[in-house]
Amino acid sequence: MKIISWNIANYDDHSNWMTRKNLIADEIIKADADIIALQEIRFNKDHPSTKATYMNSAEQILTQLQSRNKFLDAKILTQPAMHYNSTGFWEGLSIITKNDIIETGAIFHSHIHNDVDHNKRVTQYTVAISNNFVFFIFNTHFSYEETNLRSNLGEVMSYTERFAGYPQILVGDMNATPQNENIHKLNMQGLIDIWNKLHPDDDGFTYPSSEPVKRIDYCWANDSFAANIKEIKLIGNKSNKDGIYPSDHLGLVIEIKD
């Protein structure tokens, strides 16, 4: 089984969406993924792609995959984090999965007003089954403003503790490097930084995709899950012939032992 985590860059603030969504689908198919955790999902009824389909960006990616006979029976779980106005313009997270789903949910993070990051944040989770292996996937996108980042982390740690004892994996764009003192709190809770565990001598930079200089996208797992992970690698690090990358972030592919 393979899990992808990827900030796909929302289609309002980043150009070339019609090209990028095809490149994203190419990478997902190439990776032979089973579960896809996506960040920066947008729904803007005035965006040309949504005006034509009334689909958010994650639904458009799933449709692109299905047009190539992939993910035909997949489920998509989407959680808006913030509505920007009364017209239905929102951003959030999505999980696309071939696996059976037992339940899903989300925690909406508190937001401390500031002039740096006005975005509200959410962490979604799903309980999935693969070959009788039951596990929790938490998909998140933290604030880049330090006070709210600290709050996001604390709330995620409290939330995941409710499910202690079950195999857990926490993925997403955490907007902080491994040196950030707040990120270290995940280690203190007993979560394992899978990239650091499997590639301790590789920086694993994920941003920006054209010339990566920092690692801000992660896969963390507790002991019950980490023992089942055999590889983690980067995707989306090559542009097309026109110099367009799938996203401004590189994605992560996490391979689980059969």
Protein backbone atom coordinates (compact mmCIF):
# COMPACT_ATOMS: atom_id res chain seq x y z
CA MET A 1 0.00 0.00 0.00
CA LYS A 2 1.17 3.52 -0.79
CA ILE A 3 0.03 6.82 0.67
CA ILE A 4 0.66 10.21 -0.94
CA SER A 5 0.66 13.50 0.97
CA TRP A 6 0.79 16.64 -1.16
CA ASN A 7 0.08 20.35 -0.95
CA ILE A 8 -1.18 20.81 -4.51
CA ALA A 9 -1.17 24.67 -4.49
CA ASN A 10 -4.64 26.19 -4.72
CA TYR A 11 -5.77 27.17 -8.18
CA ASP A 12 -6.50 30.82 -7.39
CA ASP A 13 -3.06 31.81 -6.13
CA HIS A 14 -1.11 29.54 -8.48
CA SER A 15 -1.42 29.54 -12.25
CA ASN A 16 -1.53 26.82 -14.93
CA TRP A 17 -4.11 24.70 -13.09
CA MET A 18 -5.36 22.86 -16.17
CA THR A 19 -1.80 21.73 -16.86
CA ARG A 20 -0.90 21.16 -13.22
CA LYS A 21 -3.85 18.91 -12.43
CA ASN A 22 -2.78 16.60 -15.27
CA LEU A 23 0.80 16.57 -13.97
CA ILE A 24 -0.46 15.78 -10.45
CA ALA A 25 -2.51 12.90 -11.82
CA ASP A 26 0.55 11.65 -13.73
CA GLU A 27 2.57 11.53 -10.50
CA ILE A 28 -0.20 9.77 -8.55
CA ILE A 29 -0.51 7.09 -11.23
CA LYS A 30 3.25 6.69 -11.50
CA ALA A 31 3.49 6.21 -7.73
CA ASP A 32 0.71 3.58 -7.84
CA ALA A 33 -0.88 5.18 -4.78
CA ASP A 34 -3.83 3.80 -2.81
CA ILE A 35 -4.54 6.78 -0.55
CA ILE A 36 -3.98 10.45 -1.37
CA ALA A 37 -4.00 13.15 1.33
CA LEU A 38 -4.19 16.60 -0.27
CA GLN A 39 -3.80 20.10 1.13
CA GLU A 40 -4.84 23.50 -0.31
CA ILE A 41 -8.01 22.21 -1.92
CA ARG A 42 -10.05 25.10 -3.33
CA PHE A 43 -13.62 25.62 -4.38
CA ASN A 44 -14.27 28.92 -6.12
CA LYS A 45 -17.38 28.94 -8.28
CA ASP A 46 -15.83 31.67 -10.43
CA HIS A 47 -12.66 29.74 -11.26
CA PRO A 48 -12.92 28.56 -14.89
CA SER A 49 -12.39 24.88 -14.02
CA THR A 50 -15.05 24.92 -11.31
CA LYS A 51 -17.42 27.06 -13.34
CA ALA A 52 -17.28 24.34 -16.01
CA THR A 53 -17.64 21.35 -13.66
CA TYR A 54 -18.83 22.66 -10.28
CA MET A 55 -16.05 20.52 -8.80
CA ASN A 56 -13.42 21.54 -6.28
CA SER A 57 -9.77 20.94 -7.17
CA ALA A 58 -9.57 17.53 -5.45
CA GLU A 59 -12.68 16.31 -7.26
CA GLN A 60 -11.14 17.47 -10.53
CA ILE A 61 -8.00 15.44 -9.80
CA LEU A 62 -10.10 12.37 -9.00
CA THR A 63 -12.03 12.85 -12.24
CA GLN A 64 -8.74 13.08 -14.13
CA LEU A 65 -7.58 9.81 -12.53
CA GLN A 66 -10.87 8.10 -13.34
CA SER A 67 -10.67 9.26 -16.95
CA ARG A 68 -7.55 7.07 -17.11
CA ASN A 69 -9.34 4.10 -15.50
CA LYS A 70 -7.75 4.68 -12.09
CA PHE A 71 -9.48 5.12 -8.70
CA LEU A 72 -12.81 4.13 -10.28
CA ASP A 73 -14.30 2.96 -6.96
CA ALA A 74 -12.48 5.48 -4.76
CA LYS A 75 -14.04 7.49 -1.97
CA ILE A 76 -13.28 11.19 -1.55
CA LEU A 77 -13.51 12.87 1.85
CA THR A 78 -13.28 16.66 1.83
CA GLN A 79 -13.22 19.06 4.77
CA PRO A 80 -13.34 22.84 4.17
CA ALA A 81 -11.25 24.77 6.68
CA MET A 82 -12.25 28.33 5.89
CA HIS A 83 -14.99 30.04 3.89
CA TYR A 84 -13.65 33.29 2.51
CA ASN A 85 -16.99 34.90 1.72
CA SER A 86 -20.70 34.16 1.48
CA THR A 87 -20.51 32.96 -2.12
CA GLY A 88 -19.17 29.50 -1.25
CA PHE A 89 -15.48 30.22 -1.83
CA TRP A 90 -13.48 27.93 0.48
CA GLU A 91 -10.19 26.11 1.04
CA GLY A 92 -9.56 22.86 2.89
CA LEU A 93 -8.29 19.28 2.78
CA SER A 94 -9.22 16.09 0.95
CA ILE A 95 -8.45 12.40 1.25
CA ILE A 96 -9.00 10.17 -1.79
CA THR A 97 -8.82 6.46 -1.01
CA LYS A 98 -9.31 3.06 -2.57
CA ASN A 99 -9.46 1.54 0.91
CA ASP A 100 -12.53 0.77 2.98
CA ILE A 101 -13.39 3.55 5.42
CA ILE A 102 -14.77 2.94 8.91
CA GLU A 103 -15.24 6.55 9.97
CA THR A 104 -14.02 10.07 9.35
CA GLY A 105 -13.94 13.34 11.27
CA ALA A 106 -12.11 16.61 11.79
CA ILE A 107 -10.91 19.08 14.37
CA PHE A 108 -11.21 22.80 13.61
CA HIS A 109 -8.22 24.63 15.03
CA SER A 110 -8.55 27.76 17.10
CA HIS A 111 -7.35 30.91 15.36
CA ILE A 112 -5.52 33.72 17.12
CA HIS A 113 -6.05 36.92 15.14
CA ASN A 114 -2.90 38.28 13.53
CA ASP A 115 -1.80 40.30 10.52
CA VAL A 116 0.37 37.54 9.05
CA ASP A 117 -1.87 34.53 8.43
CA HIS A 118 -5.63 35.08 8.25
CA ASN A 119 -6.37 31.49 7.24
CA LYS A 120 -8.21 29.15 9.57
CA ARG A 121 -6.94 25.59 9.84
CA VAL A 122 -8.37 22.10 10.19
CA THR A 123 -7.08 18.55 10.61
CA GLN A 124 -9.14 15.76 9.10
CA TYR A 125 -8.83 12.09 9.89
CA THR A 126 -10.10 8.84 8.53
CA VAL A 127 -9.99 5.28 9.83
CA ALA A 128 -9.07 2.95 6.98
CA ILE A 129 -8.59 -0.81 6.49
CA SER A 130 -6.00 -2.56 4.34
CA ASN A 131 -5.71 -6.35 4.50
CA ASN A 132 -7.28 -6.35 7.99
CA PHE A 133 -4.82 -3.66 9.11
CA VAL A 134 -6.85 -0.85 10.71
CA PHE A 135 -5.12 2.53 10.92
CA PHE A 136 -5.78 6.24 11.43
CA ILE A 137 -4.67 8.84 8.87
CA PHE A 138 -4.53 12.47 10.00
CA ASN A 139 -4.21 15.05 7.20
CA THR A 140 -3.32 18.62 8.13
CA HIS A 141 -2.07 22.02 6.98
CA PHE A 142 -0.65 24.16 9.79
CA SER A 143 -0.34 27.92 10.01
CA TYR A 144 2.94 29.62 9.04
CA GLU A 145 2.43 32.21 11.81
CA GLU A 146 4.30 31.06 14.91
CA THR A 147 1.59 31.62 17.54
CA ASN A 148 -1.04 29.76 15.55
CA LEU A 149 1.46 27.07 14.55
CA ARG A 150 2.08 26.39 18.23
CA SER A 151 -1.66 26.20 18.83
CA ASN A 152 -2.24 23.92 15.82
CA LEU A 153 0.39 21.48 17.05
CA GLY A 154 -0.92 21.40 20.60
CA GLU A 155 -4.46 20.76 19.42
CA VAL A 156 -3.38 17.99 17.03
CA MET A 157 -1.41 16.27 19.78
CA SER A 158 -4.40 16.38 22.13
CA TYR A 159 -6.69 15.15 19.37
CA THR A 160 -4.52 12.19 18.35
CA GLU A 161 -4.11 11.12 21.98
CA ARG A 162 -7.79 10.19 21.95
CA PHE A 163 -6.88 7.34 19.64
CA ALA A 164 -3.75 6.17 21.48
CA GLY A 165 -2.96 2.52 20.93
CA TYR A 166 -4.10 2.46 17.30
CA PRO A 167 -1.66 2.74 14.38
CA GLN A 168 -1.54 6.42 13.42
CA ILE A 169 0.04 8.47 10.65
CA LEU A 170 0.06 12.27 10.55
CA VAL A 171 0.83 13.88 7.19
CA GLY A 172 0.69 17.32 5.64
CA ASP A 173 2.19 20.74 5.09
CA MET A 174 3.29 21.88 8.55
CA ASN A 175 4.86 25.18 7.47
CA ALA A 176 7.88 24.69 9.73
CA THR A 177 11.31 23.14 9.34
CA PRO A 178 12.58 20.26 11.53
CA GLN A 179 14.58 22.83 13.52
CA ASN A 180 11.43 24.64 14.67
CA GLU A 181 10.95 24.21 18.42
CA ASN A 182 7.23 23.56 17.96
CA ILE A 183 7.82 20.67 15.55
CA HIS A 184 9.99 19.01 18.22
CA LYS A 185 6.85 18.60 20.35
CA LEU A 186 5.72 15.83 18.03
CA ASN A 187 8.89 13.91 18.93
CA MET A 188 8.15 14.50 22.59
CA GLN A 189 4.74 12.89 22.13
CA GLY A 190 6.43 9.82 20.72
CA LEU A 191 5.74 10.36 17.05
CA ILE A 192 8.49 9.41 14.61
CA ASP A 193 9.61 11.63 11.73
CA ILE A 194 9.62 9.00 8.99
CA TRP A 195 11.83 10.92 6.59
CA ASN A 196 14.47 11.40 9.27
CA LYS A 197 14.20 7.74 10.29
CA LEU A 198 14.63 6.31 6.79
CA HIS A 199 16.84 9.02 5.24
CA PRO A 200 18.82 10.57 8.11
CA ASP A 201 21.56 11.85 5.78
CA ASP A 202 19.18 13.44 3.25
CA ASP A 203 17.66 16.88 3.90
CA GLY A 204 14.49 15.89 2.03
CA PHE A 205 13.67 19.48 1.09
CA THR A 206 10.10 19.88 -0.18
CA TYR A 207 9.73 23.61 -0.90
CA PRO A 208 9.76 25.33 -3.30
CA SER A 209 9.56 22.62 -5.93
CA SER A 210 11.71 24.42 -8.49
CA GLU A 211 14.67 24.85 -6.10
CA PRO A 212 13.87 23.20 -2.75
CA VAL A 213 15.61 24.82 0.22
CA LYS A 214 13.59 23.58 3.21
CA ARG A 215 11.54 20.65 4.47
CA ILE A 216 8.08 21.68 5.64
CA ASP A 217 6.03 18.65 4.48
CA TYR A 218 6.04 15.61 6.75
CA CYS A 219 4.98 12.11 7.54
CA TRP A 220 4.90 11.30 11.26
CA ALA A 221 3.83 7.96 12.72
CA ASN A 222 3.51 6.34 16.10
CA ASP A 223 5.37 3.13 16.94
CA SER A 224 2.40 0.97 15.90
CA PHE A 225 2.50 2.41 12.38
CA ALA A 226 6.17 3.31 11.88
CA ALA A 227 7.23 -0.34 11.99
CA ASN A 228 5.08 -0.95 8.89
CA ILE A 229 6.62 1.81 6.77
CA LYS A 230 9.40 0.60 4.50
CA GLU A 231 10.05 3.65 2.29
CA ILE A 232 9.34 7.34 1.82
CA LYS A 233 10.31 9.39 -1.22
CA LEU A 234 9.64 12.70 -2.98
CA ILE A 235 7.55 13.25 -6.10
CA GLY A 236 6.76 16.24 -8.31
CA ASN A 237 10.36 17.42 -8.60
CA LYS A 238 10.41 17.62 -12.40
CA SER A 239 8.75 20.23 -14.58
CA ASN A 240 7.18 19.66 -17.97
CA LYS A 241 8.75 20.97 -21.17
CA ASP A 242 7.31 24.42 -20.46
CA GLY A 243 8.91 24.62 -17.02
CA ILE A 244 5.62 24.03 -15.15
CA TYR A 245 5.76 21.98 -11.93
CA PRO A 246 2.74 20.07 -10.59
CA SER A 247 2.80 22.22 -7.44
CA ASP A 248 5.01 24.64 -5.55
CA HIS A 249 5.53 21.80 -3.03
CA LEU A 250 7.00 18.37 -3.61
CA GLY A 251 4.81 15.49 -2.55
CA LEU A 252 5.61 12.53 -0.32
CA VAL A 253 4.98 8.88 -1.15
CA ILE A 254 4.91 6.57 1.88
CA GLU A 255 5.13 2.84 1.17
CA ILE A 256 3.65 0.42 3.70
CA LYS A 257 4.76 -3.20 4.05
CA ASP A 258 2.31 -5.78 2.70
